[in-house]
Amino acid sequence: MRCSGLPRVFLIITACLAAAVGGCSNGSKSARVNSGKIFAVTAEKTPFYRYGPQQGNGADEQLPKDTLVTLIRPSFGYSKVQLIKGAQEGYVASEDIRPASPTLLASLNPPVESSSSSGAEHFDMHSMDPNYVPPLPDPDLPPVSEEPPPTP
């Protein structure tokens, strides 16, 4: 009779372990969600370490405020980032970066001014050049009438 209780205990222990392992994976999933996002430096200046914050020669450079970086691996103390300009990878203090604001993100892709490449012809109606004449209407089309079309 004691043998019948053993599978139940084994089942309970297995379920507890599965719940514990499943609970641990949520932390890495939230870290993965933030990876690859564009962040901005919020401090006036923050040290940038190419090989890590414990490298022997100190910070490689100081990043000014609003410097844009791509978050590679978030961490509690220092996060691994890649500079948008220069594509250099390194580490910055996690408390000194925040998700980039929409205005900073807009500065990455400045609006392109439209040119005359839209396909429409542009001509000056008041031009005095005799060689520059607007195109004539297509003779196959019916004439334009001033009256609105009849309603059924």
N, C-alpha and C. Protein backbone atom coordinates (compact mmCIF):
# COMPACT_ATOMS: atom_id res chain seq x y z
N MET A 1 0.79 -1.19 0.00
CA MET A 1 0.00 0.00 0.00
C MET A 1 0.84 1.27 0.00
N ARG A 2 2.01 1.21 0.56
CA ARG A 2 2.86 2.39 0.59
C ARG A 2 3.33 2.76 -0.81
N CYS A 3 3.41 1.83 -1.70
CA CYS A 3 3.88 2.10 -3.06
C CYS A 3 2.92 2.99 -3.82
N SER A 4 1.63 2.93 -3.49
CA SER A 4 0.66 3.73 -4.23
C SER A 4 0.81 5.22 -3.90
N GLY A 5 1.35 5.58 -2.74
CA GLY A 5 1.54 6.98 -2.36
C GLY A 5 2.78 7.58 -2.99
N LEU A 6 3.78 6.77 -3.34
CA LEU A 6 5.03 7.24 -3.92
C LEU A 6 4.83 7.93 -5.27
N PRO A 7 4.04 7.37 -6.20
CA PRO A 7 3.84 8.08 -7.47
C PRO A 7 3.15 9.44 -7.27
N ARG A 8 2.27 9.53 -6.28
CA ARG A 8 1.60 10.80 -6.04
C ARG A 8 2.60 11.85 -5.54
N VAL A 9 3.49 11.44 -4.64
CA VAL A 9 4.52 12.36 -4.13
C VAL A 9 5.45 12.78 -5.27
N PHE A 10 5.83 11.84 -6.12
CA PHE A 10 6.68 12.13 -7.26
C PHE A 10 6.00 13.14 -8.20
N LEU A 11 4.71 12.95 -8.41
CA LEU A 11 3.94 13.84 -9.27
C LEU A 11 3.88 15.25 -8.68
N ILE A 12 3.69 15.37 -7.38
CA ILE A 12 3.63 16.67 -6.72
C ILE A 12 4.97 17.37 -6.80
N ILE A 13 6.05 16.64 -6.56
CA ILE A 13 7.40 17.24 -6.64
C ILE A 13 7.70 17.70 -8.06
N THR A 14 7.33 16.90 -9.04
CA THR A 14 7.57 17.26 -10.44
C THR A 14 6.78 18.52 -10.80
N ALA A 15 5.54 18.62 -10.35
CA ALA A 15 4.73 19.80 -10.64
C ALA A 15 5.32 21.05 -9.99
N CYS A 16 5.83 20.91 -8.77
CA CYS A 16 6.44 22.06 -8.08
C CYS A 16 7.70 22.52 -8.81
N LEU A 17 8.52 21.57 -9.24
CA LEU A 17 9.73 21.93 -9.98
C LEU A 17 9.39 22.61 -11.31
N ALA A 18 8.38 22.11 -11.99
CA ALA A 18 7.98 22.72 -13.27
C ALA A 18 7.49 24.15 -13.06
N ALA A 19 6.75 24.37 -11.97
CA ALA A 19 6.27 25.73 -11.68
C ALA A 19 7.43 26.65 -11.33
N ALA A 20 8.42 26.13 -10.60
CA ALA A 20 9.57 26.95 -10.21
C ALA A 20 10.42 27.30 -11.43
N VAL A 21 10.65 26.35 -12.31
CA VAL A 21 11.45 26.61 -13.51
C VAL A 21 10.70 27.56 -14.44
N GLY A 22 9.41 27.37 -14.58
CA GLY A 22 8.60 28.26 -15.42
C GLY A 22 8.59 29.68 -14.89
N GLY A 23 8.59 29.84 -13.59
CA GLY A 23 8.61 31.18 -12.99
C GLY A 23 9.93 31.88 -13.22
N CYS A 24 11.02 31.15 -13.30
CA CYS A 24 12.32 31.76 -13.52
C CYS A 24 12.48 32.26 -14.94
N SER A 25 11.83 31.65 -15.89
CA SER A 25 12.03 32.04 -17.28
C SER A 25 11.40 33.38 -17.60
N ASN A 26 10.46 33.87 -16.78
CA ASN A 26 9.82 35.14 -17.07
C ASN A 26 10.79 36.31 -17.01
N GLY A 27 11.79 36.26 -16.13
CA GLY A 27 12.75 37.35 -16.03
C GLY A 27 13.58 37.49 -17.29
N SER A 28 14.03 36.38 -17.86
CA SER A 28 14.84 36.47 -19.07
C SER A 28 13.99 36.88 -20.26
N LYS A 29 12.70 36.52 -20.23
CA LYS A 29 11.82 36.91 -21.34
C LYS A 29 11.64 38.42 -21.36
N SER A 30 11.47 39.06 -20.19
CA SER A 30 11.30 40.51 -20.17
C SER A 30 12.60 41.20 -20.57
N ALA A 31 13.73 40.59 -20.29
CA ALA A 31 14.98 41.17 -20.72
C ALA A 31 15.11 41.08 -22.24
N ARG A 32 14.62 39.98 -22.80
CA ARG A 32 14.69 39.80 -24.25
C ARG A 32 13.77 40.79 -24.97
N VAL A 33 12.66 41.15 -24.34
CA VAL A 33 11.73 42.10 -24.96
C VAL A 33 12.41 43.45 -25.14
N ASN A 34 13.24 43.88 -24.18
CA ASN A 34 13.88 45.18 -24.26
C ASN A 34 15.10 45.18 -25.17
N SER A 35 15.64 44.03 -25.51
CA SER A 35 16.83 43.98 -26.34
C SER A 35 16.53 44.50 -27.74
N GLY A 36 17.48 45.24 -28.30
CA GLY A 36 17.33 45.74 -29.64
C GLY A 36 16.58 47.05 -29.72
N LYS A 37 16.12 47.58 -28.60
CA LYS A 37 15.41 48.85 -28.59
C LYS A 37 16.41 49.99 -28.57
N ILE A 38 15.96 51.14 -29.02
CA ILE A 38 16.83 52.31 -29.04
C ILE A 38 16.61 53.09 -27.74
N PHE A 39 17.69 53.36 -27.05
CA PHE A 39 17.68 54.07 -25.78
C PHE A 39 18.49 55.35 -25.94
N ALA A 40 18.29 56.27 -25.01
CA ALA A 40 19.03 57.53 -25.01
C ALA A 40 19.66 57.74 -23.65
N VAL A 41 20.80 58.40 -23.63
CA VAL A 41 21.48 58.73 -22.38
C VAL A 41 20.70 59.85 -21.71
N THR A 42 20.37 59.68 -20.43
CA THR A 42 19.59 60.69 -19.70
C THR A 42 20.46 61.54 -18.80
N ALA A 43 21.64 61.07 -18.42
CA ALA A 43 22.54 61.85 -17.57
C ALA A 43 23.25 62.89 -18.44
N GLU A 44 23.75 63.93 -17.80
CA GLU A 44 24.50 64.95 -18.56
C GLU A 44 25.69 64.32 -19.28
N LYS A 45 26.39 63.42 -18.61
CA LYS A 45 27.48 62.64 -19.20
C LYS A 45 27.50 61.30 -18.51
N THR A 46 27.74 60.25 -19.27
CA THR A 46 27.85 58.93 -18.66
C THR A 46 29.08 58.24 -19.24
N PRO A 47 29.84 57.52 -18.40
CA PRO A 47 31.02 56.81 -18.90
C PRO A 47 30.64 55.66 -19.82
N PHE A 48 31.41 55.49 -20.88
CA PHE A 48 31.23 54.40 -21.85
C PHE A 48 32.48 53.53 -21.78
N TYR A 49 32.27 52.26 -21.43
CA TYR A 49 33.38 51.31 -21.29
C TYR A 49 33.32 50.32 -22.45
N ARG A 50 34.39 50.24 -23.18
CA ARG A 50 34.41 49.34 -24.35
C ARG A 50 34.41 47.87 -23.92
N TYR A 51 35.17 47.54 -22.89
CA TYR A 51 35.32 46.13 -22.49
C TYR A 51 34.63 45.81 -21.17
N GLY A 52 34.03 46.77 -20.51
CA GLY A 52 33.34 46.52 -19.25
C GLY A 52 33.73 47.54 -18.21
N PRO A 53 32.90 47.73 -17.19
CA PRO A 53 33.17 48.77 -16.21
C PRO A 53 34.37 48.48 -15.31
N GLN A 54 34.86 47.25 -15.29
CA GLN A 54 36.01 46.92 -14.45
C GLN A 54 37.32 46.90 -15.23
N GLN A 55 37.32 47.46 -16.44
CA GLN A 55 38.57 47.48 -17.19
C GLN A 55 39.57 48.39 -16.48
N GLY A 56 40.82 48.07 -16.60
CA GLY A 56 41.86 48.72 -15.81
C GLY A 56 42.12 50.18 -16.12
N ASN A 57 41.84 50.64 -17.31
CA ASN A 57 42.21 52.00 -17.67
C ASN A 57 41.07 53.01 -17.60
N GLY A 58 39.96 52.69 -16.97
CA GLY A 58 38.85 53.63 -16.83
C GLY A 58 37.98 53.69 -18.07
N ALA A 59 37.11 54.68 -18.09
CA ALA A 59 36.17 54.82 -19.21
C ALA A 59 36.89 55.20 -20.50
N ASP A 60 36.42 54.66 -21.60
CA ASP A 60 37.01 54.97 -22.90
C ASP A 60 36.56 56.35 -23.40
N GLU A 61 35.31 56.71 -23.09
CA GLU A 61 34.81 58.04 -23.45
C GLU A 61 33.61 58.39 -22.58
N GLN A 62 33.20 59.64 -22.65
CA GLN A 62 32.02 60.12 -21.94
C GLN A 62 30.93 60.40 -22.98
N LEU A 63 29.78 59.77 -22.82
CA LEU A 63 28.68 60.00 -23.75
C LEU A 63 27.83 61.17 -23.24
N PRO A 64 27.57 62.16 -24.09
CA PRO A 64 26.74 63.29 -23.65
C PRO A 64 25.26 62.91 -23.61
N LYS A 65 24.48 63.76 -23.01
CA LYS A 65 23.03 63.53 -22.89
C LYS A 65 22.41 63.42 -24.28
N ASP A 66 21.38 62.58 -24.41
CA ASP A 66 20.63 62.32 -25.64
C ASP A 66 21.42 61.57 -26.70
N THR A 67 22.53 60.94 -26.32
CA THR A 67 23.23 60.06 -27.25
C THR A 67 22.38 58.81 -27.43
N LEU A 68 22.15 58.41 -28.68
CA LEU A 68 21.30 57.26 -28.96
C LEU A 68 22.13 55.98 -29.02
N VAL A 69 21.63 54.94 -28.35
CA VAL A 69 22.29 53.65 -28.33
C VAL A 69 21.25 52.55 -28.54
N THR A 70 21.69 51.41 -29.06
CA THR A 70 20.83 50.24 -29.16
C THR A 70 21.15 49.32 -28.00
N LEU A 71 20.13 48.94 -27.26
CA LEU A 71 20.33 48.06 -26.11
C LEU A 71 20.54 46.64 -26.59
N ILE A 72 21.69 46.07 -26.26
CA ILE A 72 22.00 44.69 -26.66
C ILE A 72 21.62 43.73 -25.54
N ARG A 73 22.09 44.02 -24.31
CA ARG A 73 21.82 43.14 -23.18
C ARG A 73 21.63 43.98 -21.93
N PRO A 74 20.39 44.07 -21.44
CA PRO A 74 20.16 44.83 -20.21
C PRO A 74 20.68 44.08 -19.00
N SER A 75 21.06 44.81 -18.00
CA SER A 75 21.55 44.20 -16.78
C SER A 75 21.28 45.15 -15.62
N PHE A 76 21.50 44.67 -14.39
CA PHE A 76 21.20 45.47 -13.22
C PHE A 76 22.12 46.68 -13.11
N GLY A 77 23.42 46.50 -13.18
CA GLY A 77 24.36 47.61 -13.00
C GLY A 77 24.74 48.30 -14.29
N TYR A 78 25.26 47.53 -15.22
CA TYR A 78 25.70 48.07 -16.51
C TYR A 78 25.07 47.26 -17.63
N SER A 79 24.62 47.95 -18.66
CA SER A 79 24.00 47.30 -19.80
C SER A 79 24.92 47.37 -21.00
N LYS A 80 24.90 46.31 -21.81
CA LYS A 80 25.70 46.31 -23.02
C LYS A 80 24.89 47.03 -24.11
N VAL A 81 25.53 47.99 -24.77
CA VAL A 81 24.87 48.79 -25.79
C VAL A 81 25.75 48.90 -27.02
N GLN A 82 25.14 49.36 -28.10
CA GLN A 82 25.88 49.67 -29.33
C GLN A 82 25.54 51.10 -29.70
N LEU A 83 26.57 51.91 -29.93
CA LEU A 83 26.34 53.30 -30.31
C LEU A 83 25.71 53.34 -31.70
N ILE A 84 24.72 54.21 -31.87
CA ILE A 84 24.08 54.35 -33.18
C ILE A 84 25.09 54.91 -34.18
N LYS A 85 25.82 55.93 -33.77
CA LYS A 85 26.85 56.51 -34.64
C LYS A 85 28.17 55.82 -34.32
N GLY A 86 28.73 55.17 -35.28
CA GLY A 86 30.00 54.50 -35.09
C GLY A 86 29.89 53.01 -34.87
N ALA A 87 28.73 52.53 -34.46
CA ALA A 87 28.45 51.11 -34.27
C ALA A 87 29.42 50.44 -33.30
N GLN A 88 29.95 51.19 -32.35
CA GLN A 88 30.88 50.65 -31.37
C GLN A 88 30.08 50.05 -30.21
N GLU A 89 30.46 48.87 -29.74
CA GLU A 89 29.79 48.22 -28.62
C GLU A 89 30.53 48.49 -27.33
N GLY A 90 29.77 48.56 -26.23
CA GLY A 90 30.38 48.79 -24.93
C GLY A 90 29.34 48.75 -23.84
N TYR A 91 29.68 49.28 -22.68
CA TYR A 91 28.82 49.21 -21.50
C TYR A 91 28.60 50.61 -20.93
N VAL A 92 27.36 50.86 -20.50
CA VAL A 92 27.02 52.10 -19.81
C VAL A 92 26.19 51.74 -18.58
N ALA A 93 26.15 52.67 -17.62
CA ALA A 93 25.35 52.44 -16.42
C ALA A 93 23.88 52.35 -16.80
N SER A 94 23.21 51.32 -16.33
CA SER A 94 21.80 51.09 -16.67
C SER A 94 20.91 52.23 -16.18
N GLU A 95 21.29 52.87 -15.08
CA GLU A 95 20.47 53.96 -14.55
C GLU A 95 20.60 55.23 -15.38
N ASP A 96 21.58 55.29 -16.27
CA ASP A 96 21.80 56.50 -17.08
C ASP A 96 21.15 56.43 -18.46
N ILE A 97 20.41 55.37 -18.78
CA ILE A 97 19.75 55.27 -20.08
C ILE A 97 18.26 54.98 -19.88
N ARG A 98 17.47 55.48 -20.81
CA ARG A 98 16.02 55.27 -20.84
C ARG A 98 15.60 55.09 -22.29
N PRO A 99 14.42 54.50 -22.54
CA PRO A 99 13.94 54.40 -23.93
C PRO A 99 13.89 55.78 -24.58
N ALA A 100 14.32 55.84 -25.82
CA ALA A 100 14.42 57.12 -26.53
C ALA A 100 13.03 57.69 -26.78
N SER A 101 12.93 59.01 -26.67
CA SER A 101 11.67 59.70 -26.91
C SER A 101 11.38 59.73 -28.41
N PRO A 102 10.12 59.91 -28.80
CA PRO A 102 9.78 59.97 -30.22
C PRO A 102 10.52 61.08 -30.98
N THR A 103 10.79 62.20 -30.30
CA THR A 103 11.50 63.28 -30.99
C THR A 103 12.94 62.89 -31.29
N LEU A 104 13.58 62.16 -30.36
CA LEU A 104 14.94 61.71 -30.64
C LEU A 104 14.95 60.65 -31.73
N LEU A 105 13.94 59.78 -31.73
CA LEU A 105 13.86 58.77 -32.78
C LEU A 105 13.63 59.41 -34.14
N ALA A 106 12.86 60.49 -34.17
CA ALA A 106 12.62 61.19 -35.43
C ALA A 106 13.90 61.81 -35.97
N SER A 107 14.83 62.16 -35.08
CA SER A 107 16.08 62.76 -35.54
C SER A 107 16.96 61.73 -36.26
N LEU A 108 16.69 60.43 -36.03
CA LEU A 108 17.45 59.40 -36.75
C LEU A 108 17.15 59.41 -38.24
N ASN A 109 15.88 59.61 -38.58
CA ASN A 109 15.44 59.61 -39.98
C ASN A 109 14.83 60.96 -40.31
N PRO A 110 15.65 61.94 -40.68
CA PRO A 110 15.08 63.24 -41.00
C PRO A 110 14.16 63.14 -42.21
N PRO A 111 13.11 63.94 -42.25
CA PRO A 111 12.17 63.87 -43.38
C PRO A 111 12.86 64.26 -44.68
N VAL A 112 12.54 63.54 -45.71
CA VAL A 112 13.11 63.81 -47.02
C VAL A 112 12.20 64.79 -47.73
N GLU A 113 12.80 65.87 -48.23
CA GLU A 113 12.00 66.85 -48.95
C GLU A 113 11.59 66.27 -50.28
N SER A 114 10.33 66.46 -50.62
CA SER A 114 9.85 65.92 -51.88
C SER A 114 10.39 66.75 -53.03
N SER A 115 10.70 66.06 -54.10
CA SER A 115 11.20 66.74 -55.29
C SER A 115 10.20 66.54 -56.41
N SER A 116 10.57 66.92 -57.60
CA SER A 116 9.66 66.81 -58.73
C SER A 116 9.64 65.39 -59.29
N SER A 117 10.08 64.41 -58.50
CA SER A 117 10.12 63.04 -58.98
C SER A 117 8.78 62.33 -58.76
N SER A 118 7.73 63.07 -58.45
CA SER A 118 6.43 62.44 -58.19
C SER A 118 5.76 61.96 -59.46
N GLY A 119 6.27 62.32 -60.62
CA GLY A 119 5.69 61.88 -61.88
C GLY A 119 4.76 62.91 -62.48
N ALA A 120 4.28 63.84 -61.70
CA ALA A 120 3.40 64.88 -62.24
C ALA A 120 4.23 65.96 -62.90
N GLU A 121 3.69 66.51 -63.97
CA GLU A 121 4.41 67.57 -64.66
C GLU A 121 4.17 68.88 -63.92
N HIS A 122 5.24 69.65 -63.80
CA HIS A 122 5.14 70.96 -63.19
C HIS A 122 5.56 71.99 -64.22
N PHE A 123 4.74 72.98 -64.42
CA PHE A 123 5.11 74.05 -65.33
C PHE A 123 4.51 75.35 -64.83
N ASP A 124 5.18 76.40 -65.22
CA ASP A 124 4.76 77.73 -64.80
C ASP A 124 3.75 78.25 -65.80
N MET A 125 2.54 78.50 -65.34
CA MET A 125 1.49 78.98 -66.24
C MET A 125 1.78 80.39 -66.74
N HIS A 126 2.60 81.13 -66.04
CA HIS A 126 2.88 82.51 -66.42
C HIS A 126 4.25 82.65 -67.08
N SER A 127 4.79 81.56 -67.57
CA SER A 127 6.09 81.60 -68.21
C SER A 127 6.00 82.33 -69.54
N MET A 128 7.02 83.10 -69.85
CA MET A 128 7.07 83.83 -71.12
C MET A 128 7.87 83.08 -72.17
N ASP A 129 8.34 81.91 -71.84
CA ASP A 129 9.13 81.12 -72.78
C ASP A 129 8.19 80.49 -73.81
N PRO A 130 8.37 80.78 -75.12
CA PRO A 130 7.46 80.21 -76.13
C PRO A 130 7.67 78.71 -76.32
N ASN A 131 8.81 78.18 -75.93
CA ASN A 131 9.07 76.75 -76.08
C ASN A 131 8.42 75.92 -74.97
N TYR A 132 7.99 76.60 -73.94
CA TYR A 132 7.43 75.90 -72.79
C TYR A 132 5.91 76.06 -72.80
N VAL A 133 5.26 75.11 -73.43
CA VAL A 133 3.81 75.16 -73.60
C VAL A 133 3.21 74.00 -72.83
N PRO A 134 2.13 74.23 -72.06
CA PRO A 134 1.51 73.11 -71.36
C PRO A 134 0.93 72.11 -72.35
N PRO A 135 0.85 70.83 -71.95
CA PRO A 135 0.34 69.82 -72.88
C PRO A 135 -1.14 70.06 -73.20
N LEU A 136 -1.53 69.69 -74.42
CA LEU A 136 -2.92 69.83 -74.86
C LEU A 136 -3.72 68.66 -74.31
N PRO A 137 -5.05 68.85 -74.12
CA PRO A 137 -5.86 67.74 -73.64
C PRO A 137 -5.92 66.62 -74.67
N ASP A 138 -6.16 65.42 -74.20
CA ASP A 138 -6.22 64.24 -75.07
C ASP A 138 -7.46 64.36 -75.96
N PRO A 139 -7.31 64.23 -77.30
CA PRO A 139 -8.46 64.39 -78.20
C PRO A 139 -9.47 63.24 -78.06
N ASP A 140 -9.07 62.10 -77.50
CA ASP A 140 -9.99 60.97 -77.36
C ASP A 140 -10.95 61.13 -76.18
N LEU A 141 -10.69 62.06 -75.30
CA LEU A 141 -11.55 62.27 -74.14
C LEU A 141 -12.70 63.19 -74.51
N PRO A 142 -13.87 63.01 -73.88
CA PRO A 142 -14.98 63.92 -74.15
C PRO A 142 -14.67 65.30 -73.58
N PRO A 143 -15.29 66.34 -74.12
CA PRO A 143 -15.03 67.69 -73.61
C PRO A 143 -15.52 67.84 -72.17
N VAL A 144 -14.87 68.69 -71.45
CA VAL A 144 -15.23 68.93 -70.06
C VAL A 144 -16.47 69.81 -70.03
N SER A 145 -17.49 69.39 -69.32
CA SER A 145 -18.70 70.18 -69.22
C SER A 145 -18.74 70.90 -67.88
N GLU A 146 -19.36 72.04 -67.86
CA GLU A 146 -19.46 72.84 -66.65
C GLU A 146 -20.60 72.35 -65.77
N GLU A 147 -21.57 71.64 -66.35
CA GLU A 147 -22.73 71.19 -65.61
C GLU A 147 -22.41 69.91 -64.83
N PRO A 148 -23.01 69.76 -63.67
CA PRO A 148 -22.81 68.50 -62.92
C PRO A 148 -23.54 67.36 -63.61
N PRO A 149 -23.08 66.15 -63.44
CA PRO A 149 -23.74 65.01 -64.09
C PRO A 149 -25.15 64.82 -63.52
N PRO A 150 -26.08 64.34 -64.34
CA PRO A 150 -27.46 64.15 -63.86
C PRO A 150 -27.52 63.05 -62.81
N THR A 151 -28.40 63.24 -61.85
CA THR A 151 -28.57 62.22 -60.81
C THR A 151 -29.72 61.30 -61.18
N PRO A 152 -29.59 60.02 -61.01
CA PRO A 152 -30.65 59.09 -61.39
C PRO A 152 -31.82 59.10 -60.43
